[in-house]
Amino acid sequence: MVERRIVVDTLRLNYQGLLNVNEFYRVMDKWFREKGFDKYEKRNFEQVFKSGRQIEIEIEPWKKVNDYAKEVMKIVFLFTNVKDVVIKKDGHNINMQQGKVAITFMGYLETDWENKWEGTPWTFFLRAVFDQYVYKINTDKFYSLVAEDTMHLYNTLKAYLNLQRYY
């Protein structure tokens, strides 16, 4: 059975103002490719209201660290009151969106994700001992890797949105 341990728990990023939703998504996608993550888009839907559109996206990017451990993030985007606006910049019209964005980041470390240590009670016991005493140094390194990657993505998206304060 896969053991999923929470490393980063509900890190939030809020923004209100102008942004290009497609470009925002491309920045995130480029970050995943550069860092070697595969992406699983769990949910992506849009609703239209009188006050504007609401877009909800849930993504679970993952990266195999080794045969025993896997780094997983869960990112939930909620765009509310999104309205299309046209901005003039240097004599060119630029299509943008205005609205609110709430992003939640979570980082996990999954161990034994291939279920190699679950065959018998004996191997399950060996895995528990192995995790506690033998492989603990490497597992701690994997925890820091998950935290580092989650914070780097958080800071990248925050820089794109030009935020000046923490939420």
C-alpha atoms as a PDB file:
ATOM      1  CA  MET A   1       0.000   0.000   0.000  1.00  0.00           C
ATOM      2  CA  VAL A   2       1.291   3.421  -0.890  1.00  0.00           C
ATOM      3  CA  GLU A   3       2.186   5.541   2.093  1.00  0.00           C
ATOM      4  CA  ARG A   4       1.495   9.224   1.479  1.00  0.00           C
ATOM      5  CA  ARG A   5       3.068  11.677   3.920  1.00  0.00           C
ATOM      6  CA  ILE A   6       2.168  15.365   3.923  1.00  0.00           C
ATOM      7  CA  VAL A   7       5.215  17.631   3.681  1.00  0.00           C
ATOM      8  CA  VAL A   8       3.623  20.988   2.754  1.00  0.00           C
ATOM      9  CA  ASP A   9       0.099  21.444   4.063  1.00  0.00           C
ATOM     10  CA  THR A  10      -2.245  24.023   2.476  1.00  0.00           C
ATOM     11  CA  LEU A  11       0.061  26.809   1.394  1.00  0.00           C
ATOM     12  CA  ARG A  12      -2.220  29.527   0.011  1.00  0.00           C
ATOM     13  CA  LEU A  13      -1.731  32.277  -2.539  1.00  0.00           C
ATOM     14  CA  ASN A  14      -4.408  34.920  -3.197  1.00  0.00           C
ATOM     15  CA  TYR A  15      -4.482  37.593  -5.890  1.00  0.00           C
ATOM     16  CA  GLN A  16      -6.986  40.064  -7.234  1.00  0.00           C
ATOM     17  CA  GLY A  17      -6.476  42.114 -10.367  1.00  0.00           C
ATOM     18  CA  LEU A  18      -5.436  41.783 -13.992  1.00  0.00           C
ATOM     19  CA  LEU A  19      -3.873  38.624 -15.345  1.00  0.00           C
ATOM     20  CA  ASN A  20      -3.787  36.466 -18.439  1.00  0.00           C
ATOM     21  CA  VAL A  21      -5.164  33.075 -17.385  1.00  0.00           C
ATOM     22  CA  ASN A  22      -3.676  31.244 -20.386  1.00  0.00           C
ATOM     23  CA  GLU A  23      -0.231  32.762 -19.863  1.00  0.00           C
ATOM     24  CA  PHE A  24      -0.437  31.990 -16.146  1.00  0.00           C
ATOM     25  CA  TYR A  25      -1.153  28.344 -16.969  1.00  0.00           C
ATOM     26  CA  ARG A  26       1.743  28.288 -19.471  1.00  0.00           C
ATOM     27  CA  VAL A  27       4.177  29.613 -16.845  1.00  0.00           C
ATOM     28  CA  MET A  28       3.163  26.804 -14.511  1.00  0.00           C
ATOM     29  CA  ASP A  29       3.332  24.199 -17.296  1.00  0.00           C
ATOM     30  CA  LYS A  30       6.822  25.369 -18.284  1.00  0.00           C
ATOM     31  CA  TRP A  31       7.954  25.039 -14.660  1.00  0.00           C
ATOM     32  CA  PHE A  32       6.682  21.431 -14.564  1.00  0.00           C
ATOM     33  CA  ARG A  33       8.552  20.540 -17.757  1.00  0.00           C
ATOM     34  CA  GLU A  34      11.790  22.151 -16.576  1.00  0.00           C
ATOM     35  CA  LYS A  35      11.686  20.322 -13.239  1.00  0.00           C
ATOM     36  CA  GLY A  36      10.788  16.938 -14.778  1.00  0.00           C
ATOM     37  CA  PHE A  37       7.252  16.614 -13.432  1.00  0.00           C
ATOM     38  CA  ASP A  38       4.458  14.683 -15.113  1.00  0.00           C
ATOM     39  CA  LYS A  39       1.069  16.299 -14.746  1.00  0.00           C
ATOM     40  CA  TYR A  40      -2.307  14.761 -14.010  1.00  0.00           C
ATOM     41  CA  GLU A  41      -5.186  17.200 -14.377  1.00  0.00           C
ATOM     42  CA  LYS A  42      -7.835  15.864 -12.033  1.00  0.00           C
ATOM     43  CA  ARG A  43     -10.467  18.533 -12.575  1.00  0.00           C
ATOM     44  CA  ASN A  44     -10.913  21.462 -14.957  1.00  0.00           C
ATOM     45  CA  PHE A  45     -14.253  23.144 -15.343  1.00  0.00           C
ATOM     46  CA  GLU A  46     -15.696  26.556 -15.966  1.00  0.00           C
ATOM     47  CA  GLN A  47     -19.053  28.062 -15.055  1.00  0.00           C
ATOM     48  CA  VAL A  48     -20.500  31.294 -16.394  1.00  0.00           C
ATOM     49  CA  PHE A  49     -22.417  33.611 -14.059  1.00  0.00           C
ATOM     50  CA  LYS A  50     -23.738  37.151 -14.441  1.00  0.00           C
ATOM     51  CA  SER A  51     -20.909  38.465 -12.267  1.00  0.00           C
ATOM     52  CA  GLY A  52     -18.274  36.684 -14.392  1.00  0.00           C
ATOM     53  CA  ARG A  53     -16.797  33.267 -15.007  1.00  0.00           C
ATOM     54  CA  GLN A  54     -15.620  30.830 -12.368  1.00  0.00           C
ATOM     55  CA  ILE A  55     -12.807  28.457 -13.295  1.00  0.00           C
ATOM     56  CA  GLU A  56     -11.691  25.605 -11.062  1.00  0.00           C
ATOM     57  CA  ILE A  57      -8.598  23.552 -11.870  1.00  0.00           C
ATOM     58  CA  GLU A  58      -7.101  20.764  -9.776  1.00  0.00           C
ATOM     59  CA  ILE A  59      -3.709  19.424 -10.816  1.00  0.00           C
ATOM     60  CA  GLU A  60      -1.578  16.657  -9.328  1.00  0.00           C
ATOM     61  CA  PRO A  61       1.942  16.831 -10.762  1.00  0.00           C
ATOM     62  CA  TRP A  62       4.314  14.064  -9.746  1.00  0.00           C
ATOM     63  CA  LYS A  63       7.951  13.164 -10.176  1.00  0.00           C
ATOM     64  CA  LYS A  64       9.597   9.816  -9.541  1.00  0.00           C
ATOM     65  CA  VAL A  65      12.527  10.341  -7.187  1.00  0.00           C
ATOM     66  CA  ASN A  66      13.597   6.680  -7.267  1.00  0.00           C
ATOM     67  CA  ASP A  67      11.938   3.259  -7.365  1.00  0.00           C
ATOM     68  CA  TYR A  68      10.784   3.656  -3.784  1.00  0.00           C
ATOM     69  CA  ALA A  69       9.752   7.323  -3.448  1.00  0.00           C
ATOM     70  CA  LYS A  70       7.671   9.699  -5.524  1.00  0.00           C
ATOM     71  CA  GLU A  71       7.152  13.438  -5.103  1.00  0.00           C
ATOM     72  CA  VAL A  72       3.517  14.566  -5.547  1.00  0.00           C
ATOM     73  CA  MET A  73       1.926  18.012  -5.387  1.00  0.00           C
ATOM     74  CA  LYS A  74      -1.730  18.897  -5.310  1.00  0.00           C
ATOM     75  CA  ILE A  75      -2.562  22.343  -6.628  1.00  0.00           C
ATOM     76  CA  VAL A  76      -6.090  23.764  -6.673  1.00  0.00           C
ATOM     77  CA  PHE A  77      -6.815  26.967  -8.598  1.00  0.00           C
ATOM     78  CA  LEU A  78     -10.056  28.867  -8.123  1.00  0.00           C
ATOM     79  CA  PHE A  79     -10.560  31.830 -10.433  1.00  0.00           C
ATOM     80  CA  THR A  80     -13.708  33.820  -9.532  1.00  0.00           C
ATOM     81  CA  ASN A  81     -15.455  36.810 -11.124  1.00  0.00           C
ATOM     82  CA  VAL A  82     -13.258  36.503 -14.207  1.00  0.00           C
ATOM     83  CA  LYS A  83     -14.126  39.050 -16.864  1.00  0.00           C
ATOM     84  CA  ASP A  84     -12.408  39.642 -20.181  1.00  0.00           C
ATOM     85  CA  VAL A  85     -10.919  43.110 -20.593  1.00  0.00           C
ATOM     86  CA  VAL A  86      -8.866  44.769 -23.329  1.00  0.00           C
ATOM     87  CA  ILE A  87      -5.801  46.771 -22.289  1.00  0.00           C
ATOM     88  CA  LYS A  88      -3.933  49.207 -24.563  1.00  0.00           C
ATOM     89  CA  LYS A  89      -0.188  48.980 -24.153  1.00  0.00           C
ATOM     90  CA  ASP A  90       2.257  50.698 -26.508  1.00  0.00           C
ATOM     91  CA  GLY A  91      -0.517  51.163 -29.077  1.00  0.00           C
ATOM     92  CA  HIS A  92      -1.462  47.451 -29.087  1.00  0.00           C
ATOM     93  CA  ASN A  93      -4.607  45.894 -27.697  1.00  0.00           C
ATOM     94  CA  ILE A  94      -3.929  43.103 -25.225  1.00  0.00           C
ATOM     95  CA  ASN A  95      -6.641  40.692 -24.137  1.00  0.00           C
ATOM     96  CA  MET A  96      -6.491  40.090 -20.383  1.00  0.00           C
ATOM     97  CA  GLN A  97      -8.775  38.893 -17.632  1.00  0.00           C
ATOM     98  CA  GLN A  98      -9.698  40.562 -14.390  1.00  0.00           C
ATOM     99  CA  GLY A  99     -10.785  38.677 -11.310  1.00  0.00           C
ATOM    100  CA  LYS A 100      -9.761  36.906  -8.134  1.00  0.00           C
ATOM    101  CA  VAL A 101      -7.433  33.932  -7.882  1.00  0.00           C
ATOM    102  CA  ALA A 102      -7.054  31.598  -4.904  1.00  0.00           C
ATOM    103  CA  ILE A 103      -4.389  28.895  -5.176  1.00  0.00           C
ATOM    104  CA  THR A 104      -3.779  26.119  -2.660  1.00  0.00           C
ATOM    105  CA  PHE A 105      -0.569  24.067  -2.717  1.00  0.00           C
ATOM    106  CA  MET A 106       0.031  20.757  -0.971  1.00  0.00           C
ATOM    107  CA  GLY A 107       3.182  18.634  -1.178  1.00  0.00           C
ATOM    108  CA  TYR A 108       3.361  14.896  -0.496  1.00  0.00           C
ATOM    109  CA  LEU A 109       5.991  12.195  -0.421  1.00  0.00           C
ATOM    110  CA  GLU A 110       4.708   8.801  -1.511  1.00  0.00           C
ATOM    111  CA  THR A 111       6.784   5.793  -0.531  1.00  0.00           C
ATOM    112  CA  ASP A 112       6.484   2.267  -1.901  1.00  0.00           C
ATOM    113  CA  TRP A 113       4.398   3.625  -4.750  1.00  0.00           C
ATOM    114  CA  GLU A 114       4.963   0.465  -6.802  1.00  0.00           C
ATOM    115  CA  ASN A 115       3.672  -1.769  -3.943  1.00  0.00           C
ATOM    116  CA  LYS A 116       6.801  -3.920  -3.884  1.00  0.00           C
ATOM    117  CA  TRP A 117       6.852  -4.226  -0.082  1.00  0.00           C
ATOM    118  CA  GLU A 118       3.246  -5.289   0.436  1.00  0.00           C
ATOM    119  CA  GLY A 119       3.308  -8.952  -0.574  1.00  0.00           C
ATOM    120  CA  THR A 120       3.444 -10.575   2.843  1.00  0.00           C
ATOM    121  CA  PRO A 121       3.298  -9.435   6.469  1.00  0.00           C
ATOM    122  CA  TRP A 122       7.033 -10.134   6.711  1.00  0.00           C
ATOM    123  CA  THR A 123       7.905  -7.727   3.880  1.00  0.00           C
ATOM    124  CA  PHE A 124       5.536  -5.135   5.354  1.00  0.00           C
ATOM    125  CA  PHE A 125       7.393  -5.394   8.662  1.00  0.00           C
ATOM    126  CA  LEU A 126      10.758  -5.158   6.901  1.00  0.00           C
ATOM    127  CA  ARG A 127       9.589  -2.031   5.106  1.00  0.00           C
ATOM    128  CA  ALA A 128       8.592  -0.408   8.417  1.00  0.00           C
ATOM    129  CA  VAL A 129      12.008  -1.193   9.927  1.00  0.00           C
ATOM    130  CA  PHE A 130      13.740  -0.114   6.735  1.00  0.00           C
ATOM    131  CA  ASP A 131      11.871   3.237   6.767  1.00  0.00           C
ATOM    132  CA  GLN A 132      12.524   3.908  10.441  1.00  0.00           C
ATOM    133  CA  TYR A 133      16.205   3.068  10.678  1.00  0.00           C
ATOM    134  CA  VAL A 134      18.012   2.317   7.427  1.00  0.00           C
ATOM    135  CA  TYR A 135      16.517   4.644   4.826  1.00  0.00           C
ATOM    136  CA  LYS A 136      15.605   7.532   7.159  1.00  0.00           C
ATOM    137  CA  ILE A 137      18.447   9.773   5.960  1.00  0.00           C
ATOM    138  CA  ASN A 138      17.340   9.471   2.337  1.00  0.00           C
ATOM    139  CA  THR A 139      13.680   9.921   3.228  1.00  0.00           C
ATOM    140  CA  ASP A 140      14.525  13.146   5.051  1.00  0.00           C
ATOM    141  CA  LYS A 141      16.292  14.365   1.890  1.00  0.00           C
ATOM    142  CA  PHE A 142      13.162  13.549  -0.106  1.00  0.00           C
ATOM    143  CA  TYR A 143      11.053  15.572   2.356  1.00  0.00           C
ATOM    144  CA  SER A 144      13.265  18.597   1.824  1.00  0.00           C
ATOM    145  CA  LEU A 145      13.097  18.079  -1.952  1.00  0.00           C
ATOM    146  CA  VAL A 146       9.281  18.104  -1.861  1.00  0.00           C
ATOM    147  CA  ALA A 147       9.234  21.242   0.307  1.00  0.00           C
ATOM    148  CA  GLU A 148      11.816  22.962  -1.907  1.00  0.00           C
ATOM    149  CA  ASP A 149       9.969  22.225  -5.164  1.00  0.00           C
ATOM    150  CA  THR A 150       6.597  23.254  -3.729  1.00  0.00           C
ATOM    151  CA  MET A 151       8.005  26.541  -2.431  1.00  0.00           C
ATOM    152  CA  HIS A 152       9.815  27.194  -5.711  1.00  0.00           C
ATOM    153  CA  LEU A 153       6.582  26.789  -7.695  1.00  0.00           C
ATOM    154  CA  TYR A 154       4.764  28.978  -5.163  1.00  0.00           C
ATOM    155  CA  ASN A 155       7.403  31.711  -5.529  1.00  0.00           C
ATOM    156  CA  THR A 156       7.424  31.408  -9.337  1.00  0.00           C
ATOM    157  CA  LEU A 157       3.662  31.893  -9.579  1.00  0.00           C
ATOM    158  CA  LYS A 158       3.780  34.640  -6.972  1.00  0.00           C
ATOM    159  CA  ALA A 159       6.463  36.459  -8.973  1.00  0.00           C
ATOM    160  CA  TYR A 160       4.349  36.127 -12.115  1.00  0.00           C
ATOM    161  CA  LEU A 161       1.419  37.742 -10.346  1.00  0.00           C
ATOM    162  CA  ASN A 162       3.740  40.471  -8.966  1.00  0.00           C
ATOM    163  CA  LEU A 163       2.564  40.056  -5.428  1.00  0.00           C
ATOM    164  CA  GLN A 164       4.151  42.268  -2.832  1.00  0.00           C
ATOM    165  CA  ARG A 165       2.943  40.619   0.386  1.00  0.00           C
ATOM    166  CA  TYR A 166       2.356  37.169   1.848  1.00  0.00           C
ATOM    167  CA  TYR A 167      -1.055  35.690   2.508  1.00  0.00           C
END
